[in-house]
Amino acid sequence: MTTPDIRWLGTDTAMIDLNFLGVPKVIAAYLLPTSDGLAIVDTGPSTVIDTLEDGTRALGHDPNDIRHILITHIHLDHVGAAGTWMRRLPAARCYIHERGAPHMIDPANLIRSATRIYGDDMERLWGEFLPVPEERTVVVRDGDQLRLGDRTLEVIYTPGHASHHVAFHESATGRAFVGDVGGIRIPPSGLPIPPTPPPDVNVDAWKESIRRLREIVPMQMLLAHFGPVDDVDRHLTELGANLDAFVSLAEQALVEGLEREAIVARLTDHVQKLVEEDGNPDIETQFSLNVPYGMATDGLLRYLRKRDEARG
């Protein structure tokens, strides 16, 4: 059995490997002690609640002291357990972007949409998905300053991967919690790969979000998939280049008249070649778990269709 990676990143922030499906380096949650209890950035799905609970204790804290649940976006791998945690923690509040909050307060449509994608795998992958109480939901918007006890995090609206995506920047520590807009990078690799699932990938918005992340000049970005990134400028440059390459691949495939399955195969080959050139072949497992190639292709094709419709 794999031992999850649970460690402090300095003295004020910790990372908990949620060991999703028993695989390391797939989903990370971040723990921030404050003078007003603990804050968690992204809970992961309900299937890893025990790992997050055990990880919090291993770091010397009681999970019952969690008071703030910060959500970068409402995809199931990031937020599936939020409602369960809120039921367990009657004093906690959940911070969600204004576009995502209604779907967490009443997740019926979100669950229905996800079930169409995952079918019989819903329970195995994600577990239960409970609503977040409206009265304890804090709706956040771009530029908001979240004062969590003695710590302050700025909300930065960062769409592109999802229309309801935000990053949280703590200027005092120089850290930015960037969810998925910062891409997937599995250590020890330095390769950033853009996750492009449907329904609302928007490449133009994503490129603008990359620009905004550069603008705040974080000393360190903390990725959900997976871990801390210190070479921020290089990482963002390569992420943007790989995002452009994904789009070009899909565009060229459509010009050639390829069907979906052939495009999926081409994207798979492209990523596997990148991984091979990077010299860390094991990381392909984590990427394909985070965003299966079929989903990544569907997101790109949906983006291109919507873009072309907007252009007339």
C-alpha atoms as a PDB file:
ATOM      1  CA  MET A   1       0.000   0.000   0.000  1.00  0.00           C
ATOM      2  CA  THR A   2       1.296   3.463  -0.927  1.00  0.00           C
ATOM      3  CA  THR A   3       1.998   5.911   1.895  1.00  0.00           C
ATOM      4  CA  PRO A   4       0.483   9.333   1.092  1.00  0.00           C
ATOM      5  CA  ASP A   5       2.840  12.329   0.890  1.00  0.00           C
ATOM      6  CA  ILE A   6       1.927  14.480   3.901  1.00  0.00           C
ATOM      7  CA  ARG A   7       4.313  17.294   4.802  1.00  0.00           C
ATOM      8  CA  TRP A   8       4.782  20.891   5.787  1.00  0.00           C
ATOM      9  CA  LEU A   9       5.828  23.358   3.101  1.00  0.00           C
ATOM     10  CA  GLY A  10       7.668  25.690   5.420  1.00  0.00           C
ATOM     11  CA  THR A  11       6.022  26.365   8.781  1.00  0.00           C
ATOM     12  CA  ASP A  12       2.628  27.746   7.763  1.00  0.00           C
ATOM     13  CA  THR A  13       1.194  25.534   5.016  1.00  0.00           C
ATOM     14  CA  ALA A  14       1.002  21.769   4.606  1.00  0.00           C
ATOM     15  CA  MET A  15       0.244  19.457   1.701  1.00  0.00           C
ATOM     16  CA  ILE A  16      -1.800  16.283   2.045  1.00  0.00           C
ATOM     17  CA  ASP A  17      -1.637  13.717  -0.742  1.00  0.00           C
ATOM     18  CA  LEU A  18      -5.178  12.358  -0.911  1.00  0.00           C
ATOM     19  CA  ASN A  19      -3.922   9.116  -2.482  1.00  0.00           C
ATOM     20  CA  PHE A  20      -6.876   8.979  -4.868  1.00  0.00           C
ATOM     21  CA  LEU A  21      -7.732   5.393  -5.849  1.00  0.00           C
ATOM     22  CA  GLY A  22      -4.598   4.338  -3.995  1.00  0.00           C
ATOM     23  CA  VAL A  23      -2.390   6.206  -6.478  1.00  0.00           C
ATOM     24  CA  PRO A  24       0.050   8.838  -5.147  1.00  0.00           C
ATOM     25  CA  LYS A  25       0.465  12.331  -6.599  1.00  0.00           C
ATOM     26  CA  VAL A  26      -2.985  12.586  -8.165  1.00  0.00           C
ATOM     27  CA  ILE A  27      -4.866  15.026  -5.884  1.00  0.00           C
ATOM     28  CA  ALA A  28      -3.450  17.315  -3.203  1.00  0.00           C
ATOM     29  CA  ALA A  29      -5.276  19.277  -0.521  1.00  0.00           C
ATOM     30  CA  TYR A  30      -3.618  22.090   1.411  1.00  0.00           C
ATOM     31  CA  LEU A  31      -3.902  22.824   5.130  1.00  0.00           C
ATOM     32  CA  LEU A  32      -3.450  26.326   6.561  1.00  0.00           C
ATOM     33  CA  PRO A  33      -3.509  26.834  10.344  1.00  0.00           C
ATOM     34  CA  THR A  34      -4.980  30.210  11.314  1.00  0.00           C
ATOM     35  CA  SER A  35      -5.869  31.933  14.562  1.00  0.00           C
ATOM     36  CA  ASP A  36      -9.495  31.106  13.679  1.00  0.00           C
ATOM     37  CA  GLY A  37      -9.112  27.371  13.185  1.00  0.00           C
ATOM     38  CA  LEU A  38      -7.853  25.444  10.188  1.00  0.00           C
ATOM     39  CA  ALA A  39      -8.392  26.272   6.530  1.00  0.00           C
ATOM     40  CA  ILE A  40      -8.430  23.623   3.784  1.00  0.00           C
ATOM     41  CA  VAL A  41      -7.974  24.418   0.098  1.00  0.00           C
ATOM     42  CA  ASP A  42      -9.960  21.833  -1.917  1.00  0.00           C
ATOM     43  CA  THR A  43     -11.287  18.827  -0.025  1.00  0.00           C
ATOM     44  CA  GLY A  44     -11.104  16.257  -2.794  1.00  0.00           C
ATOM     45  CA  PRO A  45     -13.975  13.769  -3.251  1.00  0.00           C
ATOM     46  CA  SER A  46     -15.751  11.883  -0.478  1.00  0.00           C
ATOM     47  CA  THR A  47     -13.822   8.719  -1.313  1.00  0.00           C
ATOM     48  CA  VAL A  48     -10.712  10.265   0.270  1.00  0.00           C
ATOM     49  CA  ILE A  49     -12.254  11.805   3.388  1.00  0.00           C
ATOM     50  CA  ASP A  50     -10.404   9.365   5.641  1.00  0.00           C
ATOM     51  CA  THR A  51      -7.078  10.280   4.018  1.00  0.00           C
ATOM     52  CA  LEU A  52      -7.653  13.996   4.553  1.00  0.00           C
ATOM     53  CA  GLU A  53      -8.732  13.359   8.142  1.00  0.00           C
ATOM     54  CA  ASP A  54      -5.745  11.123   8.881  1.00  0.00           C
ATOM     55  CA  GLY A  55      -3.388  13.552   7.154  1.00  0.00           C
ATOM     56  CA  THR A  56      -4.635  16.450   9.246  1.00  0.00           C
ATOM     57  CA  ARG A  57      -4.003  14.449  12.415  1.00  0.00           C
ATOM     58  CA  ALA A  58      -0.563  13.373  11.175  1.00  0.00           C
ATOM     59  CA  LEU A  59       0.290  17.072  10.865  1.00  0.00           C
ATOM     60  CA  GLY A  60      -0.590  17.591  14.530  1.00  0.00           C
ATOM     61  CA  HIS A  61      -4.088  19.054  14.096  1.00  0.00           C
ATOM     62  CA  ASP A  62      -7.632  17.955  14.844  1.00  0.00           C
ATOM     63  CA  PRO A  63      -9.914  17.783  11.747  1.00  0.00           C
ATOM     64  CA  ASN A  64     -12.735  19.075  13.947  1.00  0.00           C
ATOM     65  CA  ASP A  65     -10.861  22.389  14.050  1.00  0.00           C
ATOM     66  CA  ILE A  66     -11.453  23.009  10.336  1.00  0.00           C
ATOM     67  CA  ARG A  67     -13.339  26.304  10.042  1.00  0.00           C
ATOM     68  CA  HIS A  68     -12.723  27.368   6.437  1.00  0.00           C
ATOM     69  CA  ILE A  69     -13.124  25.276   3.272  1.00  0.00           C
ATOM     70  CA  LEU A  70     -11.780  27.112   0.236  1.00  0.00           C
ATOM     71  CA  ILE A  71     -12.797  25.776  -3.173  1.00  0.00           C
ATOM     72  CA  THR A  72     -10.871  26.627  -6.348  1.00  0.00           C
ATOM     73  CA  HIS A  73     -13.635  25.194  -8.573  1.00  0.00           C
ATOM     74  CA  ILE A  74     -16.511  22.769  -8.379  1.00  0.00           C
ATOM     75  CA  HIS A  75     -15.207  19.753 -10.296  1.00  0.00           C
ATOM     76  CA  LEU A  76     -15.794  16.571  -8.314  1.00  0.00           C
ATOM     77  CA  ASP A  77     -12.134  15.783  -7.709  1.00  0.00           C
ATOM     78  CA  HIS A  78     -11.789  19.114  -5.882  1.00  0.00           C
ATOM     79  CA  VAL A  79     -15.052  19.632  -4.085  1.00  0.00           C
ATOM     80  CA  GLY A  80     -16.946  16.349  -3.825  1.00  0.00           C
ATOM     81  CA  ALA A  81     -16.460  16.035  -0.057  1.00  0.00           C
ATOM     82  CA  ALA A  82     -17.215  19.672   0.811  1.00  0.00           C
ATOM     83  CA  GLY A  83     -20.855  19.031   1.729  1.00  0.00           C
ATOM     84  CA  THR A  84     -19.923  16.028   3.859  1.00  0.00           C
ATOM     85  CA  TRP A  85     -17.327  18.046   5.728  1.00  0.00           C
ATOM     86  CA  MET A  86     -19.819  20.877   6.240  1.00  0.00           C
ATOM     87  CA  ARG A  87     -22.281  18.412   7.798  1.00  0.00           C
ATOM     88  CA  ARG A  88     -19.559  17.172  10.171  1.00  0.00           C
ATOM     89  CA  LEU A  89     -18.349  20.689  11.032  1.00  0.00           C
ATOM     90  CA  PRO A  90     -21.259  22.914  12.082  1.00  0.00           C
ATOM     91  CA  ALA A  91     -19.000  25.941  12.614  1.00  0.00           C
ATOM     92  CA  ALA A  92     -17.269  25.746   9.217  1.00  0.00           C
ATOM     93  CA  ARG A  93     -17.859  27.993   6.211  1.00  0.00           C
ATOM     94  CA  CYS A  94     -17.326  27.169   2.552  1.00  0.00           C
ATOM     95  CA  TYR A  95     -15.884  29.766   0.149  1.00  0.00           C
ATOM     96  CA  ILE A  96     -16.934  29.347  -3.502  1.00  0.00           C
ATOM     97  CA  HIS A  97     -16.944  31.602  -6.564  1.00  0.00           C
ATOM     98  CA  GLU A  98     -20.289  33.171  -7.414  1.00  0.00           C
ATOM     99  CA  ARG A  99     -20.625  31.061 -10.576  1.00  0.00           C
ATOM    100  CA  GLY A 100     -20.094  27.819  -8.687  1.00  0.00           C
ATOM    101  CA  ALA A 101     -21.951  28.491  -5.432  1.00  0.00           C
ATOM    102  CA  PRO A 102     -25.506  27.780  -6.697  1.00  0.00           C
ATOM    103  CA  HIS A 103     -24.386  24.345  -7.923  1.00  0.00           C
ATOM    104  CA  MET A 104     -22.940  23.475  -4.527  1.00  0.00           C
ATOM    105  CA  ILE A 105     -25.996  24.675  -2.614  1.00  0.00           C
ATOM    106  CA  ASP A 106     -28.206  22.599  -4.929  1.00  0.00           C
ATOM    107  CA  PRO A 107     -25.955  20.053  -6.668  1.00  0.00           C
ATOM    108  CA  ALA A 108     -28.719  18.153  -8.490  1.00  0.00           C
ATOM    109  CA  ASN A 109     -27.731  19.375 -11.958  1.00  0.00           C
ATOM    110  CA  LEU A 110     -24.042  18.918 -11.220  1.00  0.00           C
ATOM    111  CA  ILE A 111     -24.597  15.333 -10.096  1.00  0.00           C
ATOM    112  CA  ARG A 112     -26.827  14.610 -13.090  1.00  0.00           C
ATOM    113  CA  SER A 113     -24.216  15.975 -15.498  1.00  0.00           C
ATOM    114  CA  ALA A 114     -21.399  14.030 -13.841  1.00  0.00           C
ATOM    115  CA  THR A 115     -23.460  10.829 -13.859  1.00  0.00           C
ATOM    116  CA  ARG A 116     -23.873  11.122 -17.632  1.00  0.00           C
ATOM    117  CA  ILE A 117     -20.078  11.125 -17.906  1.00  0.00           C
ATOM    118  CA  TYR A 118     -19.100   8.572 -15.251  1.00  0.00           C
ATOM    119  CA  GLY A 119     -22.172   6.333 -15.127  1.00  0.00           C
ATOM    120  CA  ASP A 120     -21.728   3.351 -12.822  1.00  0.00           C
ATOM    121  CA  ASP A 121     -18.293   4.634 -11.743  1.00  0.00           C
ATOM    122  CA  MET A 122     -19.733   7.622  -9.854  1.00  0.00           C
ATOM    123  CA  GLU A 123     -19.776   5.931  -6.452  1.00  0.00           C
ATOM    124  CA  ARG A 124     -16.400   4.234  -6.870  1.00  0.00           C
ATOM    125  CA  LEU A 125     -14.647   7.439  -7.939  1.00  0.00           C
ATOM    126  CA  TRP A 126     -16.387  10.169  -5.992  1.00  0.00           C
ATOM    127  CA  GLY A 127     -18.634   8.757  -3.279  1.00  0.00           C
ATOM    128  CA  GLU A 128     -21.459  10.857  -1.853  1.00  0.00           C
ATOM    129  CA  PHE A 129     -21.950  14.477  -2.924  1.00  0.00           C
ATOM    130  CA  LEU A 130     -23.929  16.427  -0.340  1.00  0.00           C
ATOM    131  CA  PRO A 131     -25.133  20.013  -0.710  1.00  0.00           C
ATOM    132  CA  VAL A 132     -23.352  22.852   1.064  1.00  0.00           C
ATOM    133  CA  PRO A 133     -25.674  24.807   3.405  1.00  0.00           C
ATOM    134  CA  GLU A 134     -26.524  28.154   1.838  1.00  0.00           C
ATOM    135  CA  GLU A 135     -26.344  29.979   5.162  1.00  0.00           C
ATOM    136  CA  ARG A 136     -22.704  28.905   5.591  1.00  0.00           C
ATOM    137  CA  THR A 137     -21.637  29.504   2.002  1.00  0.00           C
ATOM    138  CA  VAL A 138     -19.417  32.536   1.413  1.00  0.00           C
ATOM    139  CA  VAL A 139     -19.748  33.668  -2.193  1.00  0.00           C
ATOM    140  CA  VAL A 140     -16.427  35.062  -3.408  1.00  0.00           C
ATOM    141  CA  ARG A 141     -15.564  37.333  -6.310  1.00  0.00           C
ATOM    142  CA  ASP A 142     -12.451  38.602  -7.998  1.00  0.00           C
ATOM    143  CA  GLY A 143     -10.423  40.854  -5.710  1.00  0.00           C
ATOM    144  CA  ASP A 144     -12.090  39.810  -2.460  1.00  0.00           C
ATOM    145  CA  GLN A 145      -9.814  39.729   0.586  1.00  0.00           C
ATOM    146  CA  LEU A 146     -10.572  36.698   2.740  1.00  0.00           C
ATOM    147  CA  ARG A 147      -9.539  37.297   6.339  1.00  0.00           C
ATOM    148  CA  LEU A 148      -9.171  33.925   7.990  1.00  0.00           C
ATOM    149  CA  GLY A 149      -8.057  34.746  11.515  1.00  0.00           C
ATOM    150  CA  ASP A 150      -4.525  36.105  11.234  1.00  0.00           C
ATOM    151  CA  ARG A 151      -4.167  35.179   7.550  1.00  0.00           C
ATOM    152  CA  THR A 152      -5.446  37.012   4.471  1.00  0.00           C
ATOM    153  CA  LEU A 153      -5.907  35.496   1.025  1.00  0.00           C
ATOM    154  CA  GLU A 154      -6.895  37.398  -2.097  1.00  0.00           C
ATOM    155  CA  VAL A 155      -9.373  35.852  -4.517  1.00  0.00           C
ATOM    156  CA  ILE A 156      -8.246  35.948  -8.144  1.00  0.00           C
ATOM    157  CA  TYR A 157     -10.791  34.958 -10.762  1.00  0.00           C
ATOM    158  CA  THR A 158      -8.984  32.555 -13.091  1.00  0.00           C
ATOM    159  CA  PRO A 159     -11.352  31.044 -15.675  1.00  0.00           C
ATOM    160  CA  GLY A 160     -10.165  28.944 -18.582  1.00  0.00           C
ATOM    161  CA  HIS A 161     -10.130  25.446 -17.156  1.00  0.00           C
ATOM    162  CA  ALA A 162     -13.583  26.219 -15.719  1.00  0.00           C
ATOM    163  CA  SER A 163     -15.777  29.315 -15.698  1.00  0.00           C
ATOM    164  CA  HIS A 164     -16.105  29.122 -11.886  1.00  0.00           C
ATOM    165  CA  HIS A 165     -12.365  28.804 -11.159  1.00  0.00           C
ATOM    166  CA  VAL A 166     -10.496  31.000  -8.695  1.00  0.00           C
ATOM    167  CA  ALA A 167      -7.001  31.056  -7.273  1.00  0.00           C
ATOM    168  CA  PHE A 168      -6.157  32.182  -3.741  1.00  0.00           C
ATOM    169  CA  HIS A 169      -3.055  34.335  -3.251  1.00  0.00           C
ATOM    170  CA  GLU A 170      -1.454  34.889   0.130  1.00  0.00           C
ATOM    171  CA  SER A 171       0.897  37.820  -0.340  1.00  0.00           C
ATOM    172  CA  ALA A 172       2.414  37.389   3.130  1.00  0.00           C
ATOM    173  CA  THR A 173       3.835  33.990   2.179  1.00  0.00           C
ATOM    174  CA  GLY A 174       4.091  34.530  -1.579  1.00  0.00           C
ATOM    175  CA  ARG A 175       2.022  31.403  -2.239  1.00  0.00           C
ATOM    176  CA  ALA A 176      -0.779  31.029  -4.764  1.00  0.00           C
ATOM    177  CA  PHE A 177      -3.194  28.103  -4.586  1.00  0.00           C
ATOM    178  CA  VAL A 178      -4.018  27.684  -8.256  1.00  0.00           C
ATOM    179  CA  GLY A 179      -6.219  24.596  -8.527  1.00  0.00           C
ATOM    180  CA  ASP A 180      -6.202  23.396 -12.143  1.00  0.00           C
ATOM    181  CA  VAL A 181      -5.598  26.667 -13.971  1.00  0.00           C
ATOM    182  CA  GLY A 182      -1.898  26.114 -13.193  1.00  0.00           C
ATOM    183  CA  GLY A 183      -2.004  22.803 -15.032  1.00  0.00           C
ATOM    184  CA  ILE A 184      -0.959  19.278 -14.065  1.00  0.00           C
ATOM    185  CA  ARG A 185       2.669  18.651 -13.160  1.00  0.00           C
ATOM    186  CA  ILE A 186       3.594  15.438 -11.398  1.00  0.00           C
ATOM    187  CA  PRO A 187       6.905  15.510  -9.475  1.00  0.00           C
ATOM    188  CA  PRO A 188       9.712  14.925 -10.133  1.00  0.00           C
ATOM    189  CA  SER A 189       8.731  16.036 -13.631  1.00  0.00           C
ATOM    190  CA  GLY A 190       8.959  19.647 -14.752  1.00  0.00           C
ATOM    191  CA  LEU A 191       6.347  19.094 -17.498  1.00  0.00           C
ATOM    192  CA  PRO A 192       3.117  21.156 -17.154  1.00  0.00           C
ATOM    193  CA  ILE A 193       0.140  19.677 -19.019  1.00  0.00           C
ATOM    194  CA  PRO A 194      -3.190  21.547 -19.367  1.00  0.00           C
ATOM    195  CA  PRO A 195      -6.278  19.633 -18.208  1.00  0.00           C
ATOM    196  CA  THR A 196      -9.026  20.376 -20.758  1.00  0.00           C
ATOM    197  CA  PRO A 197     -12.244  18.558 -19.742  1.00  0.00           C
ATOM    198  CA  PRO A 198     -15.700  19.774 -20.783  1.00  0.00           C
ATOM    199  CA  PRO A 199     -17.903  21.661 -20.416  1.00  0.00           C
ATOM    200  CA  ASP A 200     -16.390  25.141 -20.313  1.00  0.00           C
ATOM    201  CA  VAL A 201     -12.727  25.133 -21.306  1.00  0.00           C
ATOM    202  CA  ASN A 202     -11.952  28.569 -22.744  1.00  0.00           C
ATOM    203  CA  VAL A 203      -8.422  28.919 -24.054  1.00  0.00           C
ATOM    204  CA  ASP A 204      -8.522  32.707 -24.423  1.00  0.00           C
ATOM    205  CA  ALA A 205      -9.699  33.083 -20.820  1.00  0.00           C
ATOM    206  CA  TRP A 206      -7.051  30.580 -19.693  1.00  0.00           C
ATOM    207  CA  LYS A 207      -4.277  32.572 -21.353  1.00  0.00           C
ATOM    208  CA  GLU A 208      -5.561  35.695 -19.588  1.00  0.00           C
ATOM    209  CA  SER A 209      -5.578  33.807 -16.270  1.00  0.00           C
ATOM    210  CA  ILE A 210      -1.951  32.785 -16.873  1.00  0.00           C
ATOM    211  CA  ARG A 211      -1.170  36.449 -17.422  1.00  0.00           C
ATOM    212  CA  ARG A 212      -2.865  37.350 -14.141  1.00  0.00           C
ATOM    213  CA  LEU A 213      -0.916  34.692 -12.266  1.00  0.00           C
ATOM    214  CA  ARG A 214       2.288  36.187 -13.651  1.00  0.00           C
ATOM    215  CA  GLU A 215       1.111  39.623 -12.581  1.00  0.00           C
ATOM    216  CA  ILE A 216       0.927  38.711  -8.890  1.00  0.00           C
ATOM    217  CA  VAL A 217       4.464  37.259  -9.072  1.00  0.00           C
ATOM    218  CA  PRO A 218       3.952  34.365  -6.650  1.00  0.00           C
ATOM    219  CA  MET A 219       7.084  32.889  -5.128  1.00  0.00           C
ATOM    220  CA  GLN A 220       5.397  29.500  -5.237  1.00  0.00           C
ATOM    221  CA  MET A 221       2.319  28.010  -6.873  1.00  0.00           C
ATOM    222  CA  LEU A 222       0.549  25.106  -5.209  1.00  0.00           C
ATOM    223  CA  LEU A 223      -1.077  22.798  -7.764  1.00  0.00           C
ATOM    224  CA  ALA A 224      -3.920  20.448  -7.020  1.00  0.00           C
ATOM    225  CA  HIS A 225      -2.223  17.974  -9.385  1.00  0.00           C
ATOM    226  CA  PHE A 226       0.349  17.960  -7.865  1.00  0.00           C
ATOM    227  CA  GLY A 227       2.302  19.921  -5.276  1.00  0.00           C
ATOM    228  CA  PRO A 228       4.465  23.039  -5.050  1.00  0.00           C
ATOM    229  CA  VAL A 229       6.033  24.747  -8.076  1.00  0.00           C
ATOM    230  CA  ASP A 230       8.940  27.116  -7.490  1.00  0.00           C
ATOM    231  CA  ASP A 231       9.998  27.861 -11.096  1.00  0.00           C
ATOM    232  CA  VAL A 232       6.783  29.767 -11.669  1.00  0.00           C
ATOM    233  CA  ASP A 233       7.737  31.780 -14.751  1.00  0.00           C
ATOM    234  CA  ARG A 234       9.078  28.826 -16.714  1.00  0.00           C
ATOM    235  CA  HIS A 235       6.168  26.662 -15.667  1.00  0.00           C
ATOM    236  CA  LEU A 236       3.561  29.178 -16.863  1.00  0.00           C
ATOM    237  CA  THR A 237       5.402  29.742 -20.140  1.00  0.00           C
ATOM    238  CA  GLU A 238       5.463  26.030 -20.919  1.00  0.00           C
ATOM    239  CA  LEU A 239       1.873  25.570 -19.762  1.00  0.00           C
ATOM    240  CA  GLY A 240       0.717  28.217 -22.240  1.00  0.00           C
ATOM    241  CA  ALA A 241       2.772  26.628 -25.016  1.00  0.00           C
ATOM    242  CA  ASN A 242       1.341  23.172 -24.304  1.00  0.00           C
ATOM    243  CA  LEU A 243      -2.177  24.593 -24.213  1.00  0.00           C
ATOM    244  CA  ASP A 244      -1.598  26.104 -27.673  1.00  0.00           C
ATOM    245  CA  ALA A 245      -0.224  22.767 -28.864  1.00  0.00           C
ATOM    246  CA  PHE A 246      -3.340  20.930 -27.645  1.00  0.00           C
ATOM    247  CA  VAL A 247      -5.567  23.361 -29.544  1.00  0.00           C
ATOM    248  CA  SER A 248      -3.459  23.126 -32.698  1.00  0.00           C
ATOM    249  CA  LEU A 249      -3.575  19.334 -32.551  1.00  0.00           C
ATOM    250  CA  ALA A 250      -7.374  19.333 -32.328  1.00  0.00           C
ATOM    251  CA  GLU A 251      -7.715  21.956 -35.063  1.00  0.00           C
ATOM    252  CA  GLN A 252      -5.476  20.003 -37.423  1.00  0.00           C
ATOM    253  CA  ALA A 253      -7.326  16.780 -36.708  1.00  0.00           C
ATOM    254  CA  LEU A 254     -10.629  18.438 -37.617  1.00  0.00           C
ATOM    255  CA  VAL A 255      -9.123  19.818 -40.839  1.00  0.00           C
ATOM    256  CA  GLU A 256      -8.123  16.257 -41.702  1.00  0.00           C
ATOM    257  CA  GLY A 257     -11.662  15.084 -41.017  1.00  0.00           C
ATOM    258  CA  LEU A 258     -10.730  12.749 -38.170  1.00  0.00           C
ATOM    259  CA  GLU A 259     -13.459  11.279 -35.984  1.00  0.00           C
ATOM    260  CA  ARG A 260     -13.445  11.676 -32.210  1.00  0.00           C
ATOM    261  CA  GLU A 261     -11.754   8.379 -31.406  1.00  0.00           C
ATOM    262  CA  ALA A 262      -8.923   9.123 -33.814  1.00  0.00           C
ATOM    263  CA  ILE A 263      -8.451  12.538 -32.202  1.00  0.00           C
ATOM    264  CA  VAL A 264      -8.371  10.912 -28.758  1.00  0.00           C
ATOM    265  CA  ALA A 265      -5.654   8.557 -30.007  1.00  0.00           C
ATOM    266  CA  ARG A 266      -3.664  11.444 -31.448  1.00  0.00           C
ATOM    267  CA  LEU A 267      -3.856  13.446 -28.200  1.00  0.00           C
ATOM    268  CA  THR A 268      -2.866  10.345 -26.233  1.00  0.00           C
ATOM    269  CA  ASP A 269       0.168   9.836 -28.454  1.00  0.00           C
ATOM    270  CA  HIS A 270       1.081  13.521 -28.117  1.00  0.00           C
ATOM    271  CA  VAL A 271       1.014  13.479 -24.313  1.00  0.00           C
ATOM    272  CA  GLN A 272       2.846  10.179 -24.118  1.00  0.00           C
ATOM    273  CA  LYS A 273       5.574  11.601 -26.359  1.00  0.00           C
ATOM    274  CA  LEU A 274       5.884  14.659 -24.101  1.00  0.00           C
ATOM    275  CA  VAL A 275       6.169  12.372 -21.090  1.00  0.00           C
ATOM    276  CA  GLU A 276       8.777  10.205 -22.823  1.00  0.00           C
ATOM    277  CA  GLU A 277      10.850  13.262 -23.743  1.00  0.00           C
ATOM    278  CA  ASP A 278      10.563  14.495 -20.156  1.00  0.00           C
ATOM    279  CA  GLY A 279      12.147  11.281 -18.917  1.00  0.00           C
ATOM    280  CA  ASN A 280       9.567  10.470 -16.228  1.00  0.00           C
ATOM    281  CA  PRO A 281       7.317   7.841 -17.831  1.00  0.00           C
ATOM    282  CA  ASP A 282       5.428   7.014 -14.629  1.00  0.00           C
ATOM    283  CA  ILE A 283       3.671  10.402 -14.561  1.00  0.00           C
ATOM    284  CA  GLU A 284       1.437   9.482 -17.496  1.00  0.00           C
ATOM    285  CA  THR A 285      -0.649   7.388 -15.080  1.00  0.00           C
ATOM    286  CA  GLN A 286      -1.496  10.422 -12.961  1.00  0.00           C
ATOM    287  CA  PHE A 287      -2.356  12.595 -15.943  1.00  0.00           C
ATOM    288  CA  SER A 288      -4.706  10.013 -17.416  1.00  0.00           C
ATOM    289  CA  LEU A 289      -6.389   9.601 -14.003  1.00  0.00           C
ATOM    290  CA  ASN A 290      -6.864  13.354 -13.592  1.00  0.00           C
ATOM    291  CA  VAL A 291      -8.187  13.943 -17.097  1.00  0.00           C
ATOM    292  CA  PRO A 292      -8.844  10.842 -19.195  1.00  0.00           C
ATOM    293  CA  TYR A 293      -7.832  11.485 -22.792  1.00  0.00           C
ATOM    294  CA  GLY A 294     -11.383  11.172 -24.053  1.00  0.00           C
ATOM    295  CA  MET A 295     -12.532  13.912 -21.674  1.00  0.00           C
ATOM    296  CA  ALA A 296      -9.561  16.110 -22.579  1.00  0.00           C
ATOM    297  CA  THR A 297     -10.438  15.716 -26.257  1.00  0.00           C
ATOM    298  CA  ASP A 298     -14.126  16.443 -25.667  1.00  0.00           C
ATOM    299  CA  GLY A 299     -13.224  19.661 -23.872  1.00  0.00           C
ATOM    300  CA  LEU A 300     -11.020  20.826 -26.732  1.00  0.00           C
ATOM    301  CA  LEU A 301     -13.596  19.970 -29.390  1.00  0.00           C
ATOM    302  CA  ARG A 302     -16.358  21.707 -27.459  1.00  0.00           C
ATOM    303  CA  TYR A 303     -14.161  24.805 -27.096  1.00  0.00           C
ATOM    304  CA  LEU A 304     -13.391  24.895 -30.834  1.00  0.00           C
ATOM    305  CA  ARG A 305     -17.056  24.445 -31.749  1.00  0.00           C
ATOM    306  CA  LYS A 306     -18.151  27.261 -29.441  1.00  0.00           C
ATOM    307  CA  ARG A 307     -15.322  29.484 -30.636  1.00  0.00           C
ATOM    308  CA  ASP A 308     -16.208  28.941 -34.289  1.00  0.00           C
ATOM    309  CA  GLU A 309     -19.896  29.538 -33.617  1.00  0.00           C
ATOM    310  CA  ALA A 310     -19.020  32.844 -31.915  1.00  0.00           C
ATOM    311  CA  ARG A 311     -16.975  33.833 -34.961  1.00  0.00           C
ATOM    312  CA  GLY A 312     -19.869  33.017 -37.244  1.00  0.00           C
END
